[in-house]
Amino acid sequence: LGVYVTVAKQRAELVKFFFNVARGKWRDNEHVEIHQTNRTVLKIHSSSRKFRAVMDGELVRLDRETVIEIQPGALNVLVPASAAQSRAA
């Protein structure tokens, strides 16, 4: 599970961050922290009630406390027979 956090606080830092995102260069931005984990708890401290995120390509609504974790083997994937045979060789 990759967790990407922007630590940008000033407007100029945010503008630079979003510009880098638009160019596909956000990983190189000095205001991005990249973490790897199997499980994380996202706690939202804000008066706003509408929080959304993209998870596995789907737009989802977030609760004030949301647990995000990897579940090994939970996704069944169909592959063409030719690909399965070449992996077995």
PDB file of N, CA and C in Angstrom:
ATOM      1  N   LEU A   1       0.859  -1.172   0.000  1.00  0.00           N
ATOM      2  CA  LEU A   1       0.000   0.000   0.000  1.00  0.00           C
ATOM      3  C   LEU A   1       0.897   1.223   0.000  1.00  0.00           C
ATOM      4  N   GLY A   2       0.791   2.032  -1.021  1.00  0.00           N
ATOM      5  CA  GLY A   2       1.552   3.276  -1.085  1.00  0.00           C
ATOM      6  C   GLY A   2       0.711   4.411  -0.533  1.00  0.00           C
ATOM      7  N   VAL A   3       1.273   5.152   0.406  1.00  0.00           N
ATOM      8  CA  VAL A   3       0.584   6.299   0.997  1.00  0.00           C
ATOM      9  C   VAL A   3       1.392   7.535   0.621  1.00  0.00           C
ATOM     10  N   TYR A   4       0.742   8.468  -0.063  1.00  0.00           N
ATOM     11  CA  TYR A   4       1.405   9.679  -0.533  1.00  0.00           C
ATOM     12  C   TYR A   4       0.781  10.874   0.168  1.00  0.00           C
ATOM     13  N   VAL A   5       1.618  11.655   0.848  1.00  0.00           N
ATOM     14  CA  VAL A   5       1.138  12.781   1.644  1.00  0.00           C
ATOM     15  C   VAL A   5       1.859  14.035   1.177  1.00  0.00           C
ATOM     16  N   THR A   6       1.099  15.101   0.930  1.00  0.00           N
ATOM     17  CA  THR A   6       1.750  16.373   0.652  1.00  0.00           C
ATOM     18  C   THR A   6       1.858  17.153   1.950  1.00  0.00           C
ATOM     19  N   VAL A   7       3.044  17.673   2.194  1.00  0.00           N
ATOM     20  CA  VAL A   7       3.281  18.471   3.393  1.00  0.00           C
ATOM     21  C   VAL A   7       3.343  19.956   3.037  1.00  0.00           C
ATOM     22  N   ALA A   8       2.921  20.290   1.821  1.00  0.00           N
ATOM     23  CA  ALA A   8       2.902  21.688   1.384  1.00  0.00           C
ATOM     24  C   ALA A   8       1.879  22.459   2.207  1.00  0.00           C
ATOM     25  N   LYS A   9       2.280  23.628   2.683  1.00  0.00           N
ATOM     26  CA  LYS A   9       1.387  24.439   3.507  1.00  0.00           C
ATOM     27  C   LYS A   9       1.143  25.821   2.918  1.00  0.00           C
ATOM     28  N   GLN A  10       2.105  26.341   2.206  1.00  0.00           N
ATOM     29  CA  GLN A  10       1.955  27.670   1.634  1.00  0.00           C
ATOM     30  C   GLN A  10       1.394  27.567   0.225  1.00  0.00           C
ATOM     31  N   ARG A  11       0.729  28.621  -0.192  1.00  0.00           N
ATOM     32  CA  ARG A  11       0.076  28.625  -1.503  1.00  0.00           C
ATOM     33  C   ARG A  11       1.065  28.312  -2.625  1.00  0.00           C
ATOM     34  N   ALA A  12       2.241  28.915  -2.593  1.00  0.00           N
ATOM     35  CA  ALA A  12       3.234  28.681  -3.648  1.00  0.00           C
ATOM     36  C   ALA A  12       3.666  27.218  -3.677  1.00  0.00           C
ATOM     37  N   GLU A  13       3.802  26.603  -2.515  1.00  0.00           N
ATOM     38  CA  GLU A  13       4.170  25.187  -2.444  1.00  0.00           C
ATOM     39  C   GLU A  13       3.072  24.317  -3.035  1.00  0.00           C
ATOM     40  N   LEU A  14       1.812  24.651  -2.739  1.00  0.00           N
ATOM     41  CA  LEU A  14       0.684  23.886  -3.282  1.00  0.00           C
ATOM     42  C   LEU A  14       0.589  24.038  -4.791  1.00  0.00           C
ATOM     43  N   VAL A  15       0.804  25.256  -5.290  1.00  0.00           N
ATOM     44  CA  VAL A  15       0.768  25.489  -6.738  1.00  0.00           C
ATOM     45  C   VAL A  15       1.843  24.644  -7.420  1.00  0.00           C
ATOM     46  N   LYS A  16       3.049  24.649  -6.857  1.00  0.00           N
ATOM     47  CA  LYS A  16       4.137  23.844  -7.423  1.00  0.00           C
ATOM     48  C   LYS A  16       3.794  22.358  -7.378  1.00  0.00           C
ATOM     49  N   PHE A  17       3.219  21.918  -6.262  1.00  0.00           N
ATOM     50  CA  PHE A  17       2.830  20.517  -6.123  1.00  0.00           C
ATOM     51  C   PHE A  17       1.808  20.129  -7.195  1.00  0.00           C
ATOM     52  N   PHE A  18       0.731  20.920  -7.354  1.00  0.00           N
ATOM     53  CA  PHE A  18      -0.303  20.593  -8.340  1.00  0.00           C
ATOM     54  C   PHE A  18       0.237  20.674  -9.767  1.00  0.00           C
ATOM     55  N   PHE A  19       1.151  21.598 -10.016  1.00  0.00           N
ATOM     56  CA  PHE A  19       1.787  21.679 -11.332  1.00  0.00           C
ATOM     57  C   PHE A  19       2.575  20.400 -11.609  1.00  0.00           C
ATOM     58  N   ASN A  20       3.314  19.928 -10.607  1.00  0.00           N
ATOM     59  CA  ASN A  20       4.064  18.677 -10.763  1.00  0.00           C
ATOM     60  C   ASN A  20       3.134  17.483 -10.952  1.00  0.00           C
ATOM     61  N   VAL A  21       2.000  17.465 -10.251  1.00  0.00           N
ATOM     62  CA  VAL A  21       1.014  16.390 -10.428  1.00  0.00           C
ATOM     63  C   VAL A  21       0.520  16.382 -11.868  1.00  0.00           C
ATOM     64  N   ALA A  22       0.183  17.555 -12.396  1.00  0.00           N
ATOM     65  CA  ALA A  22      -0.331  17.659 -13.766  1.00  0.00           C
ATOM     66  C   ALA A  22       0.704  17.176 -14.783  1.00  0.00           C
ATOM     67  N   ARG A  23       1.986  17.345 -14.484  1.00  0.00           N
ATOM     68  CA  ARG A  23       3.062  16.921 -15.385  1.00  0.00           C
ATOM     69  C   ARG A  23       3.522  15.493 -15.125  1.00  0.00           C
ATOM     70  N   GLY A  24       2.933  14.845 -14.114  1.00  0.00           N
ATOM     71  CA  GLY A  24       3.341  13.483 -13.788  1.00  0.00           C
ATOM     72  C   GLY A  24       4.662  13.417 -13.045  1.00  0.00           C
ATOM     73  N   LYS A  25       5.089  14.524 -12.450  1.00  0.00           N
ATOM     74  CA  LYS A  25       6.380  14.599 -11.758  1.00  0.00           C
ATOM     75  C   LYS A  25       6.214  14.752 -10.251  1.00  0.00           C
ATOM     76  N   TRP A  26       5.073  14.365  -9.717  1.00  0.00           N
ATOM     77  CA  TRP A  26       4.790  14.610  -8.298  1.00  0.00           C
ATOM     78  C   TRP A  26       5.707  13.829  -7.370  1.00  0.00           C
ATOM     79  N   ARG A  27       6.226  12.692  -7.809  1.00  0.00           N
ATOM     80  CA  ARG A  27       7.132  11.917  -6.946  1.00  0.00           C
ATOM     81  C   ARG A  27       8.441  12.663  -6.691  1.00  0.00           C
ATOM     82  N   ASP A  28       8.805  13.563  -7.606  1.00  0.00           N
ATOM     83  CA  ASP A  28      10.039  14.331  -7.469  1.00  0.00           C
ATOM     84  C   ASP A  28       9.853  15.598  -6.640  1.00  0.00           C
ATOM     85  N   ASN A  29       8.625  15.904  -6.237  1.00  0.00           N
ATOM     86  CA  ASN A  29       8.341  17.130  -5.494  1.00  0.00           C
ATOM     87  C   ASN A  29       8.836  17.006  -4.058  1.00  0.00           C
ATOM     88  N   GLU A  30       9.540  18.039  -3.586  1.00  0.00           N
ATOM     89  CA  GLU A  30      10.102  17.997  -2.229  1.00  0.00           C
ATOM     90  C   GLU A  30       9.050  18.076  -1.134  1.00  0.00           C
ATOM     91  N   HIS A  31       7.794  18.351  -1.511  1.00  0.00           N
ATOM     92  CA  HIS A  31       6.721  18.452  -0.523  1.00  0.00           C
ATOM     93  C   HIS A  31       5.856  17.192  -0.467  1.00  0.00           C
ATOM     94  N   VAL A  32       6.370  16.094  -1.006  1.00  0.00           N
ATOM     95  CA  VAL A  32       5.633  14.828  -0.988  1.00  0.00           C
ATOM     96  C   VAL A  32       6.391  13.818  -0.133  1.00  0.00           C
ATOM     97  N   GLU A  33       5.669  13.212   0.801  1.00  0.00           N
ATOM     98  CA  GLU A  33       6.216  12.105   1.587  1.00  0.00           C
ATOM     99  C   GLU A  33       5.608  10.820   1.036  1.00  0.00           C
ATOM    100  N   ILE A  34       6.444   9.812   0.816  1.00  0.00           N
ATOM    101  CA  ILE A  34       5.979   8.531   0.290  1.00  0.00           C
ATOM    102  C   ILE A  34       6.239   7.463   1.347  1.00  0.00           C
ATOM    103  N   HIS A  35       5.186   6.737   1.712  1.00  0.00           N
ATOM    104  CA  HIS A  35       5.285   5.699   2.733  1.00  0.00           C
ATOM    105  C   HIS A  35       4.730   4.387   2.182  1.00  0.00           C
ATOM    106  N   GLN A  36       5.281   3.264   2.629  1.00  0.00           N
ATOM    107  CA  GLN A  36       4.781   1.934   2.280  1.00  0.00           C
ATOM    108  C   GLN A  36       4.322   1.246   3.562  1.00  0.00           C
ATOM    109  N   THR A  37       3.148   0.637   3.524  1.00  0.00           N
ATOM    110  CA  THR A  37       2.615  -0.036   4.703  1.00  0.00           C
ATOM    111  C   THR A  37       1.584  -1.076   4.271  1.00  0.00           C
ATOM    112  N   ASN A  38       1.190  -1.939   5.163  1.00  0.00           N
ATOM    113  CA  ASN A  38       0.113  -2.896   4.891  1.00  0.00           C
ATOM    114  C   ASN A  38      -1.231  -2.382   5.381  1.00  0.00           C
ATOM    115  N   ARG A  39      -1.188  -1.401   6.311  1.00  0.00           N
ATOM    116  CA  ARG A  39      -2.429  -0.886   6.907  1.00  0.00           C
ATOM    117  C   ARG A  39      -2.188   0.532   7.397  1.00  0.00           C
ATOM    118  N   THR A  40      -3.181   1.390   7.213  1.00  0.00           N
ATOM    119  CA  THR A  40      -3.100   2.749   7.742  1.00  0.00           C
ATOM    120  C   THR A  40      -4.484   3.205   8.173  1.00  0.00           C
ATOM    121  N   VAL A  41      -4.523   4.111   9.132  1.00  0.00           N
ATOM    122  CA  VAL A  41      -5.778   4.697   9.599  1.00  0.00           C
ATOM    123  C   VAL A  41      -5.735   6.172   9.249  1.00  0.00           C
ATOM    124  N   LEU A  42      -6.707   6.604   8.464  1.00  0.00           N
ATOM    125  CA  LEU A  42      -6.814   7.997   8.059  1.00  0.00           C
ATOM    126  C   LEU A  42      -7.811   8.681   8.979  1.00  0.00           C
ATOM    127  N   LYS A  43      -7.349   9.687   9.728  1.00  0.00           N
ATOM    128  CA  LYS A  43      -8.218  10.440  10.633  1.00  0.00           C
ATOM    129  C   LYS A  43      -8.342  11.860  10.107  1.00  0.00           C
ATOM    130  N   ILE A  44      -9.571  12.300   9.903  1.00  0.00           N
ATOM    131  CA  ILE A  44      -9.827  13.620   9.341  1.00  0.00           C
ATOM    132  C   ILE A  44     -10.283  14.550  10.453  1.00  0.00           C
ATOM    133  N   HIS A  45      -9.557  15.652  10.614  1.00  0.00           N
ATOM    134  CA  HIS A  45      -9.876  16.649  11.633  1.00  0.00           C
ATOM    135  C   HIS A  45     -10.289  17.934  10.918  1.00  0.00           C
ATOM    136  N   SER A  46     -11.554  18.041  10.572  1.00  0.00           N
ATOM    137  CA  SER A  46     -12.060  19.210   9.861  1.00  0.00           C
ATOM    138  C   SER A  46     -13.549  19.332  10.116  1.00  0.00           C
ATOM    139  N   SER A  47     -14.052  20.552   9.993  1.00  0.00           N
ATOM    140  CA  SER A  47     -15.488  20.757  10.184  1.00  0.00           C
ATOM    141  C   SER A  47     -16.284  20.353   8.942  1.00  0.00           C
ATOM    142  N   SER A  48     -15.618  20.254   7.799  1.00  0.00           N
ATOM    143  CA  SER A  48     -16.297  19.840   6.573  1.00  0.00           C
ATOM    144  C   SER A  48     -16.699  18.371   6.677  1.00  0.00           C
ATOM    145  N   ARG A  49     -17.796  18.016   6.050  1.00  0.00           N
ATOM    146  CA  ARG A  49     -18.286  16.627   6.133  1.00  0.00           C
ATOM    147  C   ARG A  49     -18.126  15.840   4.843  1.00  0.00           C
ATOM    148  N   LYS A  50     -17.730  16.496   3.777  1.00  0.00           N
ATOM    149  CA  LYS A  50     -17.631  15.812   2.487  1.00  0.00           C
ATOM    150  C   LYS A  50     -16.172  15.524   2.155  1.00  0.00           C
ATOM    151  N   PHE A  51     -15.768  14.310   2.437  1.00  0.00           N
ATOM    152  CA  PHE A  51     -14.418  13.891   2.111  1.00  0.00           C
ATOM    153  C   PHE A  51     -14.498  12.704   1.172  1.00  0.00           C
ATOM    154  N   ARG A  52     -13.723  12.791   0.097  1.00  0.00           N
ATOM    155  CA  ARG A  52     -13.701  11.708  -0.879  1.00  0.00           C
ATOM    156  C   ARG A  52     -12.252  11.398  -1.234  1.00  0.00           C
ATOM    157  N   ALA A  53     -12.066  10.200  -1.723  1.00  0.00           N
ATOM    158  CA  ALA A  53     -10.742   9.771  -2.174  1.00  0.00           C
ATOM    159  C   ALA A  53     -10.931   8.783  -3.315  1.00  0.00           C
ATOM    160  N   VAL A  54      -9.886   8.577  -4.068  1.00  0.00           N
ATOM    161  CA  VAL A  54      -9.908   7.566  -5.121  1.00  0.00           C
ATOM    162  C   VAL A  54      -9.157   6.354  -4.595  1.00  0.00           C
ATOM    163  N   MET A  55      -9.868   5.220  -4.522  1.00  0.00           N
ATOM    164  CA  MET A  55      -9.268   3.959  -4.087  1.00  0.00           C
ATOM    165  C   MET A  55      -9.525   2.914  -5.158  1.00  0.00           C
ATOM    166  N   ASP A  56      -8.462   2.317  -5.629  1.00  0.00           N
ATOM    167  CA  ASP A  56      -8.563   1.305  -6.692  1.00  0.00           C
ATOM    168  C   ASP A  56      -9.344   1.828  -7.892  1.00  0.00           C
ATOM    169  N   GLY A  57      -9.159   3.104  -8.203  1.00  0.00           N
ATOM    170  CA  GLY A  57      -9.808   3.698  -9.366  1.00  0.00           C
ATOM    171  C   GLY A  57     -11.244   4.124  -9.156  1.00  0.00           C
ATOM    172  N   GLU A  58     -11.762   3.979  -7.967  1.00  0.00           N
ATOM    173  CA  GLU A  58     -13.150   4.338  -7.666  1.00  0.00           C
ATOM    174  C   GLU A  58     -13.198   5.524  -6.710  1.00  0.00           C
ATOM    175  N   LEU A  59     -14.093   6.474  -6.971  1.00  0.00           N
ATOM    176  CA  LEU A  59     -14.302   7.595  -6.066  1.00  0.00           C
ATOM    177  C   LEU A  59     -15.164   7.115  -4.904  1.00  0.00           C
ATOM    178  N   VAL A  60     -14.636   7.244  -3.685  1.00  0.00           N
ATOM    179  CA  VAL A  60     -15.349   6.760  -2.502  1.00  0.00           C
ATOM    180  C   VAL A  60     -15.477   7.883  -1.482  1.00  0.00           C
ATOM    181  N   ARG A  61     -16.507   7.784  -0.660  1.00  0.00           N
ATOM    182  CA  ARG A  61     -16.694   8.734   0.433  1.00  0.00           C
ATOM    183  C   ARG A  61     -15.935   8.219   1.657  1.00  0.00           C
ATOM    184  N   LEU A  62     -15.313   9.117   2.383  1.00  0.00           N
ATOM    185  CA  LEU A  62     -14.535   8.740   3.557  1.00  0.00           C
ATOM    186  C   LEU A  62     -15.267   9.107   4.834  1.00  0.00           C
ATOM    187  N   ASP A  63     -15.163   8.240   5.824  1.00  0.00           N
ATOM    188  CA  ASP A  63     -15.635   8.563   7.165  1.00  0.00           C
ATOM    189  C   ASP A  63     -14.560   9.398   7.851  1.00  0.00           C
ATOM    190  N   ARG A  64     -14.887   9.954   9.007  1.00  0.00           N
ATOM    191  CA  ARG A  64     -13.892  10.740   9.759  1.00  0.00           C
ATOM    192  C   ARG A  64     -12.685   9.885  10.150  1.00  0.00           C
ATOM    193  N   GLU A  65     -12.915   8.597  10.354  1.00  0.00           N
ATOM    194  CA  GLU A  65     -11.812   7.664  10.586  1.00  0.00           C
ATOM    195  C   GLU A  65     -11.992   6.501   9.621  1.00  0.00           C
ATOM    196  N   THR A  66     -11.044   6.332   8.739  1.00  0.00           N
ATOM    197  CA  THR A  66     -11.126   5.315   7.700  1.00  0.00           C
ATOM    198  C   THR A  66      -9.897   4.415   7.769  1.00  0.00           C
ATOM    199  N   VAL A  67     -10.123   3.108   7.831  1.00  0.00           N
ATOM    200  CA  VAL A  67      -9.027   2.136   7.829  1.00  0.00           C
ATOM    201  C   VAL A  67      -8.819   1.669   6.391  1.00  0.00           C
ATOM    202  N   ILE A  68      -7.579   1.733   5.954  1.00  0.00           N
ATOM    203  CA  ILE A  68      -7.221   1.289   4.609  1.00  0.00           C
ATOM    204  C   ILE A  68      -6.158   0.209   4.774  1.00  0.00           C
ATOM    205  N   GLU A  69      -6.425  -0.977   4.193  1.00  0.00           N
ATOM    206  CA  GLU A  69      -5.450  -2.053   4.350  1.00  0.00           C
ATOM    207  C   GLU A  69      -5.419  -2.962   3.135  1.00  0.00           C
ATOM    208  N   ILE A  70      -4.293  -3.610   2.975  1.00  0.00           N
ATOM    209  CA  ILE A  70      -4.114  -4.594   1.915  1.00  0.00           C
ATOM    210  C   ILE A  70      -4.687  -5.918   2.400  1.00  0.00           C
ATOM    211  N   GLN A  71      -5.433  -6.586   1.530  1.00  0.00           N
ATOM    212  CA  GLN A  71      -5.977  -7.901   1.854  1.00  0.00           C
ATOM    213  C   GLN A  71      -5.457  -8.888   0.806  1.00  0.00           C
ATOM    214  N   PRO A  72      -4.313  -9.524   1.085  1.00  0.00           N
ATOM    215  CA  PRO A  72      -3.715 -10.440   0.113  1.00  0.00           C
ATOM    216  C   PRO A  72      -4.692 -11.532  -0.324  1.00  0.00           C
ATOM    217  N   GLY A  73      -4.735 -11.773  -1.631  1.00  0.00           N
ATOM    218  CA  GLY A  73      -5.588 -12.822  -2.174  1.00  0.00           C
ATOM    219  C   GLY A  73      -7.050 -12.437  -2.313  1.00  0.00           C
ATOM    220  N   ALA A  74      -7.408 -11.192  -1.985  1.00  0.00           N
ATOM    221  CA  ALA A  74      -8.811 -10.783  -2.027  1.00  0.00           C
ATOM    222  C   ALA A  74      -9.292 -10.486  -3.447  1.00  0.00           C
ATOM    223  N   LEU A  75      -8.370 -10.277  -4.370  1.00  0.00           N
ATOM    224  CA  LEU A  75      -8.740  -9.939  -5.737  1.00  0.00           C
ATOM    225  C   LEU A  75      -8.448 -11.120  -6.654  1.00  0.00           C
ATOM    226  N   ASN A  76      -9.486 -11.628  -7.303  1.00  0.00           N
ATOM    227  CA  ASN A  76      -9.316 -12.687  -8.297  1.00  0.00           C
ATOM    228  C   ASN A  76      -9.133 -12.033  -9.656  1.00  0.00           C
ATOM    229  N   VAL A  77      -8.108 -12.442 -10.363  1.00  0.00           N
ATOM    230  CA  VAL A  77      -7.786 -11.848 -11.650  1.00  0.00           C
ATOM    231  C   VAL A  77      -7.879 -12.909 -12.732  1.00  0.00           C
ATOM    232  N   LEU A  78      -8.574 -12.582 -13.814  1.00  0.00           N
ATOM    233  CA  LEU A  78      -8.665 -13.474 -14.970  1.00  0.00           C
ATOM    234  C   LEU A  78      -7.591 -13.073 -15.972  1.00  0.00           C
ATOM    235  N   VAL A  79      -6.832 -14.039 -16.447  1.00  0.00           N
ATOM    236  CA  VAL A  79      -5.799 -13.774 -17.444  1.00  0.00           C
ATOM    237  C   VAL A  79      -6.022 -14.696 -18.630  1.00  0.00           C
ATOM    238  N   PRO A  80      -5.614 -14.268 -19.817  1.00  0.00           N
ATOM    239  CA  PRO A  80      -5.741 -15.139 -20.985  1.00  0.00           C
ATOM    240  C   PRO A  80      -4.929 -16.419 -20.783  1.00  0.00           C
ATOM    241  N   ALA A  81      -5.402 -17.518 -21.349  1.00  0.00           N
ATOM    242  CA  ALA A  81      -4.729 -18.811 -21.196  1.00  0.00           C
ATOM    243  C   ALA A  81      -3.282 -18.739 -21.671  1.00  0.00           C
ATOM    244  N   SER A  82      -3.019 -17.995 -22.746  1.00  0.00           N
ATOM    245  CA  SER A  82      -1.648 -17.900 -23.266  1.00  0.00           C
ATOM    246  C   SER A  82      -0.719 -17.256 -22.240  1.00  0.00           C
ATOM    247  N   ALA A  83      -1.189 -16.274 -21.505  1.00  0.00           N
ATOM    248  CA  ALA A  83      -0.364 -15.624 -20.476  1.00  0.00           C
ATOM    249  C   ALA A  83      -0.132 -16.570 -19.307  1.00  0.00           C
ATOM    250  N   ALA A  84      -1.147 -17.320 -18.933  1.00  0.00           N
ATOM    251  CA  ALA A  84      -1.014 -18.268 -17.822  1.00  0.00           C
ATOM    252  C   ALA A  84      -0.022 -19.374 -18.177  1.00  0.00           C
ATOM    253  N   GLN A  85      -0.045 -19.842 -19.432  1.00  0.00           N
ATOM    254  CA  GLN A  85       0.872 -20.900 -19.856  1.00  0.00           C
ATOM    255  C   GLN A  85       2.312 -20.404 -19.889  1.00  0.00           C
ATOM    256  N   SER A  86       2.531 -19.170 -20.314  1.00  0.00           N
ATOM    257  CA  SER A  86       3.899 -18.648 -20.383  1.00  0.00           C
ATOM    258  C   SER A  86       4.469 -18.421 -18.985  1.00  0.00           C
ATOM    259  N   ARG A  87       3.639 -18.110 -17.995  1.00  0.00           N
ATOM    260  CA  ARG A  87       4.111 -17.944 -16.613  1.00  0.00           C
ATOM    261  C   ARG A  87       4.475 -19.295 -16.006  1.00  0.00           C
ATOM    262  N   ALA A  88       3.768 -20.358 -16.411  1.00  0.00           N
ATOM    263  CA  ALA A  88       4.013 -21.687 -15.855  1.00  0.00           C
ATOM    264  C   ALA A  88       5.327 -22.276 -16.381  1.00  0.00           C
ATOM    265  N   ALA A  89       5.762 -21.814 -17.533  1.00  0.00           N
ATOM    266  CA  ALA A  89       6.983 -22.371 -18.159  1.00  0.00           C
ATOM    267  C   ALA A  89       8.246 -21.887 -17.504  1.00  0.00           C
TER     268      ALA A  89
END
